[in-house]
Amino acid sequence: MVTFSLKEMFLLGWPILSLLLICSIVSLAVILERCIFFRKKSVNVSDILQKLESINSPHELKLQYASLGEPIASIVQVAANPGNKSDEETLSLKVDRAVRMQVSEMERRVPLLGSIAAVAPFIGLLGTVIGIIRAFKSLALSGGGGPQIVASGIAEALVATAVGLMVAIPSLLAYNYFSVRVRRMTEDIEICADRIVELLTQK
């Protein structure tokens, strides 16, 4: 009976498994970085709107914008710039631009998770195909034989497939989670941004 340790299996298919290992490290790094980012920048729309409703003038908003937290504070800071004109159309454009900048920052690196989730199974499948080819080649060169002849190729194939799925599944779950988080935060930011424009344009 032929057995293989994890080290032997890695040595058999190291090009494919090394690539999957890199994908897993990148995916984990992006997930941790995005979790920290969203923890620092969270939007409680009802709480922020309540604070905005208690503000009665543009001057008061400029003094208290820091209490709104990120990313709303950054949007107010851009909109309330002394160099900005006070007409509603110009302010709306500036606020919209500030909102899009925040959304772009929220979306940063999230598509990379989707790419890893899509590519990792195919990389594992490539390892599977290579392992099977190697197994049949060994069988052909041996002129026959038992399962020992193809064991190494089958082991490599199965490990590559399993690792590919292990990398893809968490990446896909994280990608879906962050995509939903970005969409909901974008909606909340836009609601708050409308109120900010109203405050800054009132006389």
C-alpha atoms as a PDB file:
ATOM      1  CA  MET A   1       0.000   0.000   0.000  1.00  0.00           C
ATOM      2  CA  VAL A   2       1.367   3.403  -0.988  1.00  0.00           C
ATOM      3  CA  THR A   3       0.789   6.404   1.302  1.00  0.00           C
ATOM      4  CA  PHE A   4       1.721  10.048   0.866  1.00  0.00           C
ATOM      5  CA  SER A   5       2.385  12.719   3.454  1.00  0.00           C
ATOM      6  CA  LEU A   6       1.255  16.297   2.909  1.00  0.00           C
ATOM      7  CA  LYS A   7       4.862  17.248   2.200  1.00  0.00           C
ATOM      8  CA  GLU A   8       5.142  14.592  -0.512  1.00  0.00           C
ATOM      9  CA  MET A   9       1.850  15.677  -2.036  1.00  0.00           C
ATOM     10  CA  PHE A  10       3.035  19.291  -2.109  1.00  0.00           C
ATOM     11  CA  LEU A  11       6.287  18.270  -3.775  1.00  0.00           C
ATOM     12  CA  LEU A  12       4.357  16.340  -6.423  1.00  0.00           C
ATOM     13  CA  GLY A  13       2.296  19.337  -7.525  1.00  0.00           C
ATOM     14  CA  TRP A  14       4.248  22.290  -6.146  1.00  0.00           C
ATOM     15  CA  PRO A  15       3.712  24.699  -9.098  1.00  0.00           C
ATOM     16  CA  ILE A  16      -0.093  24.505  -8.837  1.00  0.00           C
ATOM     17  CA  LEU A  17      -0.197  24.299  -5.042  1.00  0.00           C
ATOM     18  CA  SER A  18       2.248  27.202  -4.713  1.00  0.00           C
ATOM     19  CA  LEU A  19      -0.024  29.341  -6.883  1.00  0.00           C
ATOM     20  CA  LEU A  20      -3.037  28.382  -4.778  1.00  0.00           C
ATOM     21  CA  LEU A  21      -1.083  29.151  -1.612  1.00  0.00           C
ATOM     22  CA  ILE A  22      -0.312  32.640  -2.930  1.00  0.00           C
ATOM     23  CA  CYS A  23      -4.007  33.123  -3.764  1.00  0.00           C
ATOM     24  CA  SER A  24      -5.011  32.070  -0.254  1.00  0.00           C
ATOM     25  CA  ILE A  25      -2.531  34.476   1.361  1.00  0.00           C
ATOM     26  CA  VAL A  26      -3.702  37.368  -0.824  1.00  0.00           C
ATOM     27  CA  SER A  27      -7.344  36.529  -0.132  1.00  0.00           C
ATOM     28  CA  LEU A  28      -6.788  36.367   3.631  1.00  0.00           C
ATOM     29  CA  ALA A  29      -4.875  39.659   3.602  1.00  0.00           C
ATOM     30  CA  VAL A  30      -7.656  41.416   1.663  1.00  0.00           C
ATOM     31  CA  ILE A  31     -10.363  40.009   3.956  1.00  0.00           C
ATOM     32  CA  LEU A  32      -8.546  41.184   7.100  1.00  0.00           C
ATOM     33  CA  GLU A  33      -7.789  44.624   5.623  1.00  0.00           C
ATOM     34  CA  ARG A  34     -11.396  45.153   4.487  1.00  0.00           C
ATOM     35  CA  CYS A  35     -12.775  43.994   7.872  1.00  0.00           C
ATOM     36  CA  ILE A  36     -10.603  46.563   9.640  1.00  0.00           C
ATOM     37  CA  PHE A  37     -11.600  49.238   7.113  1.00  0.00           C
ATOM     38  CA  PHE A  38     -15.348  48.672   7.480  1.00  0.00           C
ATOM     39  CA  ARG A  39     -15.049  48.510  11.245  1.00  0.00           C
ATOM     40  CA  LYS A  40     -13.499  51.992  11.246  1.00  0.00           C
ATOM     41  CA  LYS A  41     -15.931  53.391   8.677  1.00  0.00           C
ATOM     42  CA  SER A  42     -19.437  52.341   9.581  1.00  0.00           C
ATOM     43  CA  VAL A  43     -22.543  54.389   8.805  1.00  0.00           C
ATOM     44  CA  ASN A  44     -25.494  54.324  11.197  1.00  0.00           C
ATOM     45  CA  VAL A  45     -27.873  56.270   8.982  1.00  0.00           C
ATOM     46  CA  SER A  46     -30.575  56.831  11.602  1.00  0.00           C
ATOM     47  CA  ASP A  47     -28.044  58.106  14.160  1.00  0.00           C
ATOM     48  CA  ILE A  48     -26.355  60.423  11.649  1.00  0.00           C
ATOM     49  CA  LEU A  49     -29.669  61.780  10.375  1.00  0.00           C
ATOM     50  CA  GLN A  50     -30.710  62.456  13.951  1.00  0.00           C
ATOM     51  CA  LYS A  51     -27.520  64.469  14.470  1.00  0.00           C
ATOM     52  CA  LEU A  52     -28.029  66.308  11.190  1.00  0.00           C
ATOM     53  CA  GLU A  53     -31.624  67.162  12.111  1.00  0.00           C
ATOM     54  CA  SER A  54     -30.387  68.801  15.315  1.00  0.00           C
ATOM     55  CA  ILE A  55     -28.090  71.076  13.275  1.00  0.00           C
ATOM     56  CA  ASN A  56     -29.857  74.236  12.156  1.00  0.00           C
ATOM     57  CA  SER A  57     -27.324  76.168  10.086  1.00  0.00           C
ATOM     58  CA  PRO A  58     -24.393  75.661   7.692  1.00  0.00           C
ATOM     59  CA  HIS A  59     -22.051  77.288  10.222  1.00  0.00           C
ATOM     60  CA  GLU A  60     -23.120  74.852  12.924  1.00  0.00           C
ATOM     61  CA  LEU A  61     -22.592  71.932  10.522  1.00  0.00           C
ATOM     62  CA  LYS A  62     -19.051  73.105   9.758  1.00  0.00           C
ATOM     63  CA  LEU A  63     -18.285  73.216  13.473  1.00  0.00           C
ATOM     64  CA  GLN A  64     -19.750  69.807  14.291  1.00  0.00           C
ATOM     65  CA  TYR A  65     -18.926  67.732  11.191  1.00  0.00           C
ATOM     66  CA  ALA A  66     -16.245  65.709  13.021  1.00  0.00           C
ATOM     67  CA  SER A  67     -18.894  64.280  15.361  1.00  0.00           C
ATOM     68  CA  LEU A  68     -20.608  62.614  12.402  1.00  0.00           C
ATOM     69  CA  GLY A  69     -17.782  60.104  12.010  1.00  0.00           C
ATOM     70  CA  GLU A  70     -16.284  58.693   8.842  1.00  0.00           C
ATOM     71  CA  PRO A  71     -16.997  58.694   5.964  1.00  0.00           C
ATOM     72  CA  ILE A  72     -19.711  61.356   6.442  1.00  0.00           C
ATOM     73  CA  ALA A  73     -17.293  63.790   8.079  1.00  0.00           C
ATOM     74  CA  SER A  74     -15.037  63.712   5.005  1.00  0.00           C
ATOM     75  CA  ILE A  75     -17.990  64.438   2.729  1.00  0.00           C
ATOM     76  CA  VAL A  76     -19.055  67.411   4.858  1.00  0.00           C
ATOM     77  CA  GLN A  77     -15.475  68.691   4.914  1.00  0.00           C
ATOM     78  CA  VAL A  78     -15.344  68.666   1.105  1.00  0.00           C
ATOM     79  CA  ALA A  79     -18.802  70.182   0.705  1.00  0.00           C
ATOM     80  CA  ALA A  80     -18.250  72.893   3.328  1.00  0.00           C
ATOM     81  CA  ASN A  81     -14.944  74.077   1.857  1.00  0.00           C
ATOM     82  CA  PRO A  82     -14.898  77.906   2.017  1.00  0.00           C
ATOM     83  CA  GLY A  83     -13.937  78.025  -1.649  1.00  0.00           C
ATOM     84  CA  ASN A  84     -17.157  76.273  -2.696  1.00  0.00           C
ATOM     85  CA  LYS A  85     -20.074  78.227  -4.021  1.00  0.00           C
ATOM     86  CA  SER A  86     -23.262  77.996  -2.001  1.00  0.00           C
ATOM     87  CA  ASP A  87     -25.721  77.294  -4.835  1.00  0.00           C
ATOM     88  CA  GLU A  88     -27.441  73.934  -4.579  1.00  0.00           C
ATOM     89  CA  GLU A  89     -26.410  72.614  -7.997  1.00  0.00           C
ATOM     90  CA  THR A  90     -22.691  73.194  -7.412  1.00  0.00           C
ATOM     91  CA  LEU A  91     -22.843  71.742  -3.911  1.00  0.00           C
ATOM     92  CA  SER A  92     -24.740  68.696  -5.159  1.00  0.00           C
ATOM     93  CA  LEU A  93     -22.009  68.027  -7.714  1.00  0.00           C
ATOM     94  CA  LYS A  94     -19.266  68.379  -5.117  1.00  0.00           C
ATOM     95  CA  VAL A  95     -21.079  66.166  -2.623  1.00  0.00           C
ATOM     96  CA  ASP A  96     -21.776  63.587  -5.335  1.00  0.00           C
ATOM     97  CA  ARG A  97     -18.087  63.573  -6.234  1.00  0.00           C
ATOM     98  CA  ALA A  98     -17.137  63.152  -2.570  1.00  0.00           C
ATOM     99  CA  VAL A  99     -19.618  60.280  -2.217  1.00  0.00           C
ATOM    100  CA  ARG A 100     -18.200  58.531  -5.285  1.00  0.00           C
ATOM    101  CA  MET A 101     -14.691  58.879  -3.873  1.00  0.00           C
ATOM    102  CA  GLN A 102     -15.827  57.207  -0.648  1.00  0.00           C
ATOM    103  CA  VAL A 103     -17.565  54.418  -2.580  1.00  0.00           C
ATOM    104  CA  SER A 104     -14.411  53.878  -4.634  1.00  0.00           C
ATOM    105  CA  GLU A 105     -12.430  53.568  -1.410  1.00  0.00           C
ATOM    106  CA  MET A 106     -14.943  51.062  -0.022  1.00  0.00           C
ATOM    107  CA  GLU A 107     -14.756  48.945  -3.181  1.00  0.00           C
ATOM    108  CA  ARG A 108     -10.960  48.856  -3.183  1.00  0.00           C
ATOM    109  CA  ARG A 109      -9.565  45.304  -3.454  1.00  0.00           C
ATOM    110  CA  VAL A 110     -13.042  43.729  -3.200  1.00  0.00           C
ATOM    111  CA  PRO A 111     -13.055  42.721  -6.903  1.00  0.00           C
ATOM    112  CA  LEU A 112      -9.773  40.904  -6.255  1.00  0.00           C
ATOM    113  CA  LEU A 113     -11.647  38.531  -3.940  1.00  0.00           C
ATOM    114  CA  GLY A 114     -14.134  37.827  -6.709  1.00  0.00           C
ATOM    115  CA  SER A 115     -11.309  37.127  -9.137  1.00  0.00           C
ATOM    116  CA  ILE A 116      -9.623  34.702  -6.723  1.00  0.00           C
ATOM    117  CA  ALA A 117     -12.966  32.961  -6.072  1.00  0.00           C
ATOM    118  CA  ALA A 118     -13.482  32.534  -9.816  1.00  0.00           C
ATOM    119  CA  VAL A 119      -9.933  31.486 -10.715  1.00  0.00           C
ATOM    120  CA  ALA A 120      -8.953  29.205  -7.807  1.00  0.00           C
ATOM    121  CA  PRO A 121     -11.211  26.254  -8.800  1.00  0.00           C
ATOM    122  CA  PHE A 122      -9.811  26.371 -12.330  1.00  0.00           C
ATOM    123  CA  ILE A 123      -6.258  26.369 -10.995  1.00  0.00           C
ATOM    124  CA  GLY A 124      -7.176  23.334  -8.899  1.00  0.00           C
ATOM    125  CA  LEU A 125      -8.765  21.734 -11.956  1.00  0.00           C
ATOM    126  CA  LEU A 126      -5.556  22.337 -13.882  1.00  0.00           C
ATOM    127  CA  GLY A 127      -3.682  20.502 -11.132  1.00  0.00           C
ATOM    128  CA  THR A 128      -6.203  17.677 -11.407  1.00  0.00           C
ATOM    129  CA  VAL A 129      -5.702  17.382 -15.161  1.00  0.00           C
ATOM    130  CA  ILE A 130      -1.914  17.458 -14.810  1.00  0.00           C
ATOM    131  CA  GLY A 131      -2.082  14.770 -12.110  1.00  0.00           C
ATOM    132  CA  ILE A 132      -4.265  12.507 -14.237  1.00  0.00           C
ATOM    133  CA  ILE A 133      -2.005  12.985 -17.274  1.00  0.00           C
ATOM    134  CA  ARG A 134       0.981  12.110 -15.134  1.00  0.00           C
ATOM    135  CA  ALA A 135      -0.824   9.039 -13.772  1.00  0.00           C
ATOM    136  CA  PHE A 136      -1.671   7.716 -17.232  1.00  0.00           C
ATOM    137  CA  LYS A 137       1.852   8.430 -18.421  1.00  0.00           C
ATOM    138  CA  SER A 138       3.256   6.403 -15.521  1.00  0.00           C
ATOM    139  CA  LEU A 139       0.815   3.616 -16.325  1.00  0.00           C
ATOM    140  CA  ALA A 140       1.814   3.620 -19.991  1.00  0.00           C
ATOM    141  CA  LEU A 141       5.537   3.594 -19.219  1.00  0.00           C
ATOM    142  CA  SER A 142       5.121   0.728 -16.787  1.00  0.00           C
ATOM    143  CA  GLY A 143       3.218  -1.372 -19.312  1.00  0.00           C
ATOM    144  CA  GLY A 144       0.534  -2.142 -16.775  1.00  0.00           C
ATOM    145  CA  GLY A 145       0.481  -2.614 -13.044  1.00  0.00           C
ATOM    146  CA  GLY A 146      -1.681  -2.021 -10.020  1.00  0.00           C
ATOM    147  CA  PRO A 147      -2.887   1.141  -8.306  1.00  0.00           C
ATOM    148  CA  GLN A 148       0.620   1.880  -7.010  1.00  0.00           C
ATOM    149  CA  ILE A 149       1.571   3.075 -10.495  1.00  0.00           C
ATOM    150  CA  VAL A 150      -1.069   5.810 -10.629  1.00  0.00           C
ATOM    151  CA  ALA A 151      -1.272   6.610  -6.907  1.00  0.00           C
ATOM    152  CA  SER A 152       1.009   9.648  -7.003  1.00  0.00           C
ATOM    153  CA  GLY A 153      -0.845  11.274  -9.906  1.00  0.00           C
ATOM    154  CA  ILE A 154      -4.262  10.670  -8.365  1.00  0.00           C
ATOM    155  CA  ALA A 155      -3.068  12.010  -5.000  1.00  0.00           C
ATOM    156  CA  GLU A 156      -1.771  15.165  -6.663  1.00  0.00           C
ATOM    157  CA  ALA A 157      -5.012  15.575  -8.588  1.00  0.00           C
ATOM    158  CA  LEU A 158      -7.213  15.259  -5.507  1.00  0.00           C
ATOM    159  CA  VAL A 159      -5.088  17.611  -3.402  1.00  0.00           C
ATOM    160  CA  ALA A 160      -5.092  20.301  -6.107  1.00  0.00           C
ATOM    161  CA  THR A 161      -8.881  20.104  -6.459  1.00  0.00           C
ATOM    162  CA  ALA A 162      -9.449  20.251  -2.694  1.00  0.00           C
ATOM    163  CA  VAL A 163      -7.075  23.181  -2.164  1.00  0.00           C
ATOM    164  CA  GLY A 164      -8.620  25.082  -5.062  1.00  0.00           C
ATOM    165  CA  LEU A 165     -12.062  24.774  -3.499  1.00  0.00           C
ATOM    166  CA  MET A 166     -10.721  25.646  -0.033  1.00  0.00           C
ATOM    167  CA  VAL A 167      -9.337  28.893  -1.435  1.00  0.00           C
ATOM    168  CA  ALA A 168     -12.356  29.717  -3.600  1.00  0.00           C
ATOM    169  CA  ILE A 169     -15.186  29.178  -1.104  1.00  0.00           C
ATOM    170  CA  PRO A 170     -14.043  31.658   1.623  1.00  0.00           C
ATOM    171  CA  SER A 171     -13.067  34.184  -1.067  1.00  0.00           C
ATOM    172  CA  LEU A 172     -16.512  33.970  -2.652  1.00  0.00           C
ATOM    173  CA  LEU A 173     -18.290  34.309   0.692  1.00  0.00           C
ATOM    174  CA  ALA A 174     -16.150  37.340   1.594  1.00  0.00           C
ATOM    175  CA  TYR A 175     -16.683  38.901  -1.836  1.00  0.00           C
ATOM    176  CA  ASN A 176     -20.471  38.594  -1.534  1.00  0.00           C
ATOM    177  CA  TYR A 177     -20.427  39.946   2.015  1.00  0.00           C
ATOM    178  CA  PHE A 178     -18.303  42.987   1.161  1.00  0.00           C
ATOM    179  CA  SER A 179     -20.301  43.682  -2.020  1.00  0.00           C
ATOM    180  CA  VAL A 180     -23.533  43.794  -0.021  1.00  0.00           C
ATOM    181  CA  ARG A 181     -21.834  45.935   2.640  1.00  0.00           C
ATOM    182  CA  VAL A 182     -20.627  48.427   0.019  1.00  0.00           C
ATOM    183  CA  ARG A 183     -24.072  48.652  -1.578  1.00  0.00           C
ATOM    184  CA  ARG A 184     -25.841  49.264   1.727  1.00  0.00           C
ATOM    185  CA  MET A 185     -23.275  51.799   2.911  1.00  0.00           C
ATOM    186  CA  THR A 186     -23.528  53.614  -0.423  1.00  0.00           C
ATOM    187  CA  GLU A 187     -27.290  53.922  -0.001  1.00  0.00           C
ATOM    188  CA  ASP A 188     -26.877  55.205   3.572  1.00  0.00           C
ATOM    189  CA  ILE A 189     -24.200  57.711   2.544  1.00  0.00           C
ATOM    190  CA  GLU A 190     -26.377  59.051  -0.268  1.00  0.00           C
ATOM    191  CA  ILE A 191     -29.286  59.565   2.137  1.00  0.00           C
ATOM    192  CA  CYS A 192     -27.030  61.511   4.501  1.00  0.00           C
ATOM    193  CA  ALA A 193     -25.493  63.457   1.604  1.00  0.00           C
ATOM    194  CA  ASP A 194     -28.923  64.757   0.535  1.00  0.00           C
ATOM    195  CA  ARG A 195     -29.472  66.146   4.026  1.00  0.00           C
ATOM    196  CA  ILE A 196     -25.998  67.724   4.008  1.00  0.00           C
ATOM    197  CA  VAL A 197     -26.782  69.584   0.779  1.00  0.00           C
ATOM    198  CA  GLU A 198     -30.052  70.822   2.288  1.00  0.00           C
ATOM    199  CA  LEU A 199     -28.240  72.164   5.350  1.00  0.00           C
ATOM    200  CA  LEU A 200     -25.475  73.885   3.402  1.00  0.00           C
ATOM    201  CA  THR A 201     -27.858  75.607   0.983  1.00  0.00           C
ATOM    202  CA  GLN A 202     -30.393  76.853   3.500  1.00  0.00           C
ATOM    203  CA  LYS A 203     -30.292  80.550   4.260  1.00  0.00           C
END
